[in-house]
Each structure stands twice: as structure tokens, then as C-alpha cells.
C-alpha atoms as a PDB file:
ATOM      1  CA  UNK A   1     -11.768  -1.735   7.181  1.00  0.00           C
ATOM      2  CA  UNK A   2     -11.636   2.335   7.071  1.00  0.00           C
ATOM      3  CA  UNK A   3      -9.716   3.310   4.254  1.00  0.00           C
ATOM      4  CA  UNK A   4      -8.065   6.718   3.197  1.00  0.00           C
ATOM      5  CA  UNK A   5      -5.728   7.682   0.676  1.00  0.00           C
ATOM      6  CA  UNK A   6      -2.725  10.567   1.406  1.00  0.00           C
ATOM      7  CA  UNK A   7      -2.075  13.039  -1.800  1.00  0.00           C
ATOM      8  CA  UNK A   8       2.070  11.494  -2.084  1.00  0.00           C
ATOM      9  CA  UNK A   9       0.066   7.906  -2.951  1.00  0.00           C
ATOM     10  CA  UNK A  10      -2.058   9.948  -5.848  1.00  0.00           C
ATOM     11  CA  UNK A  11       1.294  11.526  -7.172  1.00  0.00           C
ATOM     12  CA  UNK A  12       2.762   8.075  -7.005  1.00  0.00           C
ATOM     13  CA  UNK A  13       0.046   6.481  -8.843  1.00  0.00           C
ATOM     14  CA  UNK A  14      -0.082   9.127 -11.730  1.00  0.00           C
ATOM     15  CA  UNK A  15       3.609   8.572 -12.086  1.00  0.00           C
ATOM     16  CA  UNK A  16       3.061   4.537 -13.512  1.00  0.00           C
ATOM     17  CA  UNK A  17       2.657   4.350 -17.087  1.00  0.00           C
ATOM     18  CA  UNK A  18       2.367   0.326 -17.178  1.00  0.00           C
ATOM     19  CA  UNK A  19      -1.677  -0.423 -16.767  1.00  0.00           C
ATOM     20  CA  UNK A  20      -1.566  -3.962 -15.663  1.00  0.00           C
ATOM     21  CA  UNK A  21       0.636  -2.566 -12.485  1.00  0.00           C
ATOM     22  CA  UNK A  22      -2.503  -0.036 -12.339  1.00  0.00           C
ATOM     23  CA  UNK A  23      -4.915  -2.412 -12.488  1.00  0.00           C
ATOM     24  CA  UNK A  24      -3.394  -4.835  -9.762  1.00  0.00           C
ATOM     25  CA  UNK A  25      -3.397  -1.883  -7.263  1.00  0.00           C
ATOM     26  CA  UNK A  26      -6.635  -1.656  -7.752  1.00  0.00           C
ATOM     27  CA  UNK A  27      -7.892  -4.674  -7.344  1.00  0.00           C
ATOM     28  CA  UNK A  28      -5.443  -4.502  -4.053  1.00  0.00           C
ATOM     29  CA  UNK A  29      -7.380  -1.154  -2.413  1.00  0.00           C
ATOM     30  CA  UNK A  30     -10.890  -3.466  -3.365  1.00  0.00           C
ATOM     31  CA  UNK A  31      -9.022  -6.083  -0.695  1.00  0.00           C
ATOM     32  CA  UNK A  32      -7.495  -4.148   1.568  1.00  0.00           C
ATOM     33  CA  UNK A  33     -11.257  -2.257   1.758  1.00  0.00           C
ATOM     34  CA  UNK A  34     -13.167  -5.341   2.196  1.00  0.00           C
ATOM     35  CA  UNK A  35     -11.098  -7.485   4.944  1.00  0.00           C
ATOM     36  CA  UNK A  36     -12.226  -7.864   7.998  1.00  0.00           C
ATOM     37  CA  UNK A  37      -8.463  -7.866   9.166  1.00  0.00           C
ATOM     38  CA  UNK A  38      -5.115  -7.793   8.990  1.00  0.00           C
ATOM     39  CA  UNK A  39      -4.312 -11.676   8.147  1.00  0.00           C
ATOM     40  CA  UNK A  40      -6.969 -11.668   5.178  1.00  0.00           C
ATOM     41  CA  UNK A  41      -5.220  -9.438   3.214  1.00  0.00           C
ATOM     42  CA  UNK A  42      -2.538 -10.823   0.257  1.00  0.00           C
ATOM     43  CA  UNK A  43       1.523 -10.130   0.625  1.00  0.00           C
ATOM     44  CA  UNK A  44       1.232  -8.121   3.578  1.00  0.00           C
ATOM     45  CA  UNK A  45       4.390  -7.588   5.903  1.00  0.00           C
ATOM     46  CA  UNK A  46       5.098  -5.847   8.661  1.00  0.00           C
ATOM     47  CA  UNK A  47       7.724  -3.145   8.727  1.00  0.00           C
ATOM     48  CA  UNK A  48      10.304  -3.584  11.314  1.00  0.00           C
ATOM     49  CA  UNK A  49      10.382   0.615  11.991  1.00  0.00           C
ATOM     50  CA  UNK A  50       7.585   1.424  14.456  1.00  0.00           C
ATOM     51  CA  UNK A  51       4.862  -1.023  15.175  1.00  0.00           C
ATOM     52  CA  UNK A  52       1.916   1.071  12.641  1.00  0.00           C
ATOM     53  CA  UNK A  53       3.602   0.353   9.338  1.00  0.00           C
ATOM     54  CA  UNK A  54       3.262  -2.177   6.858  1.00  0.00           C
ATOM     55  CA  UNK A  55       3.934  -2.935   2.714  1.00  0.00           C
ATOM     56  CA  UNK A  56       1.898  -4.870  -0.083  1.00  0.00           C
ATOM     57  CA  UNK A  57       3.782  -5.747  -2.728  1.00  0.00           C
ATOM     58  CA  UNK A  58       2.271  -6.157  -6.032  1.00  0.00           C
ATOM     59  CA  UNK A  59       5.429  -7.264  -8.577  1.00  0.00           C
ATOM     60  CA  UNK A  60       8.279  -4.948  -8.531  1.00  0.00           C
ATOM     61  CA  UNK A  61       6.222  -2.405  -7.060  1.00  0.00           C
ATOM     62  CA  UNK A  62       5.516  -1.502  -3.134  1.00  0.00           C
ATOM     63  CA  UNK A  63       2.523   0.091  -1.247  1.00  0.00           C
ATOM     64  CA  UNK A  64       3.198   1.505   1.982  1.00  0.00           C
ATOM     65  CA  UNK A  65       0.538   1.611   4.429  1.00  0.00           C
ATOM     66  CA  UNK A  66      -0.183   3.187   7.799  1.00  0.00           C
ATOM     67  CA  UNK A  67      -2.502   1.036  10.289  1.00  0.00           C
ATOM     68  CA  UNK A  68      -3.929   2.365  13.218  1.00  0.00           C
ATOM     69  CA  UNK A  69      -7.124   1.045  14.947  1.00  0.00           C
ATOM     70  CA  UNK A  70      -9.662   0.539  12.065  1.00  0.00           C
ATOM     71  CA  UNK A  71      -7.747   2.790   9.725  1.00  0.00           C
ATOM     72  CA  UNK A  72      -6.117   1.659   6.969  1.00  0.00           C
ATOM     73  CA  UNK A  73      -4.382   4.905   5.417  1.00  0.00           C
ATOM     74  CA  UNK A  74      -2.660   4.009   1.983  1.00  0.00           C
ATOM     75  CA  UNK A  75       0.690   6.674   1.951  1.00  0.00           C
ATOM     76  CA  UNK A  76       3.116   5.313  -0.857  1.00  0.00           C
ATOM     77  CA  UNK A  77       3.397   3.296  -3.850  1.00  0.00           C
ATOM     78  CA  UNK A  78       6.492   3.260  -5.254  1.00  0.00           C
ATOM     79  CA  UNK A  79       9.153   0.849  -7.039  1.00  0.00           C
ATOM     80  CA  UNK A  80      10.811  -1.241  -4.849  1.00  0.00           C
ATOM     81  CA  UNK A  81      14.019   0.644  -6.041  1.00  0.00           C
ATOM     82  CA  UNK A  82      13.063   3.457  -4.167  1.00  0.00           C
ATOM     83  CA  UNK A  83      10.783   2.093  -1.758  1.00  0.00           C
ATOM     84  CA  UNK A  84      12.585   1.790   0.886  1.00  0.00           C
ATOM     85  CA  UNK A  85      14.460   5.024   0.262  1.00  0.00           C
ATOM     86  CA  UNK A  86      11.169   7.275   0.760  1.00  0.00           C
ATOM     87  CA  UNK A  87       8.517   4.946   2.852  1.00  0.00           C
ATOM     88  CA  UNK A  88       8.438   5.615   6.176  1.00  0.00           C
END
């Protein structure tokens, strides 16, 4: 799948201090890049708000995605306590 990143996603990654979580997020990004369809991505869940917003669970963090056609945009990566406040 084609992948793009928003500036907010990059800012969120810079705020994460845990190296283990950052490594797991990198693995998720690689898995999404190599995926042929949405069903092959682990821990992917469609959000009830709109038909294009998804989230991936990485420990206590959530990655917010916007999926349109064959383009996956990584929008946010926040702790679960803040994720639903700022995404979508």
C-alpha cells in the first residue's frame, strides 16, 4: 500500500521516550507498507466516526490512520488516554 505521513505523526513520535514502543511502531509501519489489503494488518480497527478512519493498537499507544483508496496516511500516534481526544 502507498504510505504517507502527516507532520503531526512525526511530532508525536518525537515525544515518545520508550525505545521499545518506537521499535514496535516502526514494525507496524513496515507491515502496513508491505500489506496488500487491510485484512493483513494486525490490530487494525475501523473507527465509528466516518468510513475512512482506522486505528492500530501498539501497547498503550494508538496509531491513527486515514485510508482512502490505496493511500494510507499516518495521522497521529498518541497514548490511549489522549488518542480519542485528538483523533480524528
